[in-house]
């Protein structure tokens, strides 16, 4: 299990702000940087951050960069969802680990 340290808004099927509203908003998450492990040379699986979220939250990896989260909300930093796995499947303490790639931000920024 995890303790949330921030929130995110989830956008599916290529929907992006400001045109679209989030498919899920204000989701409690634990976000952590993971740049070193995320760039070990595995074919097509490169990530910069890992997010943990409750197992019942319907966050999915999209087809060809279609799904994103914005931390802490739709005004925040955009992350592309690379891969989603369920940890402790079938147990009371199960959760999803979501591998993310941070997209470009405009500097200077107070965002992630």
Protein backbone atom coordinates (compact mmCIF):
# COMPACT_ATOMS: atom_id res chain seq x y z
CA UNK A 1 0.00 0.00 0.00
CA UNK A 2 1.07 3.62 -0.42
CA UNK A 3 0.49 6.99 1.20
CA UNK A 4 -0.47 9.74 -1.29
CA UNK A 5 1.87 12.70 -1.62
CA UNK A 6 -0.07 14.62 -4.30
CA UNK A 7 -3.02 14.35 -6.72
CA UNK A 8 -3.46 14.11 -10.48
CA UNK A 9 -6.06 14.55 -13.20
CA UNK A 10 -6.34 11.71 -15.75
CA UNK A 11 -7.09 12.23 -19.45
CA UNK A 12 -7.89 9.33 -21.79
CA UNK A 13 -7.93 8.77 -25.57
CA UNK A 14 -5.90 11.84 -26.46
CA UNK A 15 -8.16 14.30 -24.63
CA UNK A 16 -6.06 17.17 -23.32
CA UNK A 17 -6.71 20.38 -21.40
CA UNK A 18 -7.84 23.08 -21.81
CA UNK A 19 -10.28 21.76 -24.44
CA UNK A 20 -11.36 18.68 -22.46
CA UNK A 21 -12.27 18.04 -18.85
CA UNK A 22 -10.44 15.23 -17.01
CA UNK A 23 -11.83 11.70 -17.26
CA UNK A 24 -10.91 11.40 -13.56
CA UNK A 25 -10.02 14.39 -11.37
CA UNK A 26 -8.15 14.92 -8.08
CA UNK A 27 -6.95 11.30 -7.81
CA UNK A 28 -4.78 10.73 -4.70
CA UNK A 29 -1.41 9.33 -5.82
CA UNK A 30 2.17 8.77 -4.71
CA UNK A 31 4.58 10.18 -7.30
CA UNK A 32 8.30 9.47 -7.32
CA UNK A 33 11.12 10.21 -9.78
CA UNK A 34 12.69 7.11 -11.37
CA UNK A 35 14.83 8.48 -14.19
CA UNK A 36 17.84 6.20 -13.65
CA UNK A 37 15.92 2.90 -13.73
CA UNK A 38 13.63 4.21 -16.46
CA UNK A 39 16.49 4.62 -18.90
CA UNK A 40 18.28 1.29 -18.69
CA UNK A 41 17.99 0.69 -22.42
CA UNK A 42 14.88 -1.50 -22.49
CA UNK A 43 13.33 -1.34 -25.93
CA UNK A 44 10.55 1.28 -26.06
CA UNK A 45 9.98 1.32 -22.29
CA UNK A 46 11.54 4.52 -21.04
CA UNK A 47 10.09 6.46 -18.10
CA UNK A 48 11.02 9.33 -15.82
CA UNK A 49 8.59 8.85 -12.92
CA UNK A 50 6.53 6.17 -11.22
CA UNK A 51 3.07 6.80 -9.81
CA UNK A 52 1.21 4.57 -7.36
CA UNK A 53 -2.57 4.64 -7.20
CA UNK A 54 -5.35 2.52 -5.71
CA UNK A 55 -6.19 -0.65 -7.64
CA UNK A 56 -9.80 0.38 -8.24
CA UNK A 57 -8.83 3.60 -10.04
CA UNK A 58 -9.33 3.08 -13.78
CA UNK A 59 -6.01 4.42 -15.08
CA UNK A 60 -4.90 2.63 -18.24
CA UNK A 61 -1.93 2.74 -20.59
CA UNK A 62 -3.14 4.05 -23.94
CA UNK A 63 -2.36 3.13 -27.51
CA UNK A 64 0.47 5.27 -28.89
CA UNK A 65 0.67 8.00 -26.25
CA UNK A 66 -3.09 8.54 -25.90
CA UNK A 67 -3.42 8.65 -22.08
CA UNK A 68 -1.93 11.24 -19.73
CA UNK A 69 -1.96 12.45 -16.15
CA UNK A 70 -1.40 16.03 -15.04
CA UNK A 71 0.13 16.60 -11.61
CA UNK A 72 -1.26 18.06 -9.37
CA UNK A 73 -4.18 18.93 -11.70
CA UNK A 74 -4.95 19.90 -15.31
CA UNK A 75 -2.92 23.10 -14.86
CA UNK A 76 0.19 21.14 -13.77
CA UNK A 77 2.89 19.03 -15.39
CA UNK A 78 1.87 16.59 -18.12
CA UNK A 79 3.02 12.95 -17.97
CA UNK A 80 2.46 10.36 -20.69
CA UNK A 81 1.41 6.93 -19.38
CA UNK A 82 3.91 4.31 -20.60
CA UNK A 83 2.89 1.15 -18.74
CA UNK A 84 0.55 0.09 -15.89
CA UNK A 85 0.99 -2.96 -13.67
CA UNK A 86 -1.01 -4.28 -10.72
CA UNK A 87 1.01 -5.04 -7.59
CA UNK A 88 -0.26 -7.70 -5.12
CA UNK A 89 -3.13 -8.67 -7.45
CA UNK A 90 -6.07 -10.24 -5.61
CA UNK A 91 -4.90 -9.09 -2.17
CA UNK A 92 -6.36 -6.40 0.07
CA UNK A 93 -3.27 -4.22 -0.31
CA UNK A 94 -3.15 -4.31 -4.13
CA UNK A 95 -2.40 -1.11 -6.05
CA UNK A 96 -1.36 0.00 -9.53
CA UNK A 97 2.15 1.11 -10.41
CA UNK A 98 2.06 3.49 -13.38
CA UNK A 99 5.23 4.26 -15.33
CA UNK A 100 5.28 7.81 -16.70
CA UNK A 101 7.33 10.00 -19.00
CA UNK A 102 7.34 13.68 -18.09
CA UNK A 103 6.64 15.85 -21.09
CA UNK A 104 8.29 19.20 -21.82
CA UNK A 105 7.61 22.11 -19.51
CA UNK A 106 8.24 25.83 -19.95
CA UNK A 107 11.08 27.19 -17.80
CA UNK A 108 11.23 28.78 -15.34
CA UNK A 109 8.62 26.65 -13.63
CA UNK A 110 7.53 25.79 -10.11
CA UNK A 111 6.10 22.54 -11.48
CA UNK A 112 7.77 19.11 -11.27
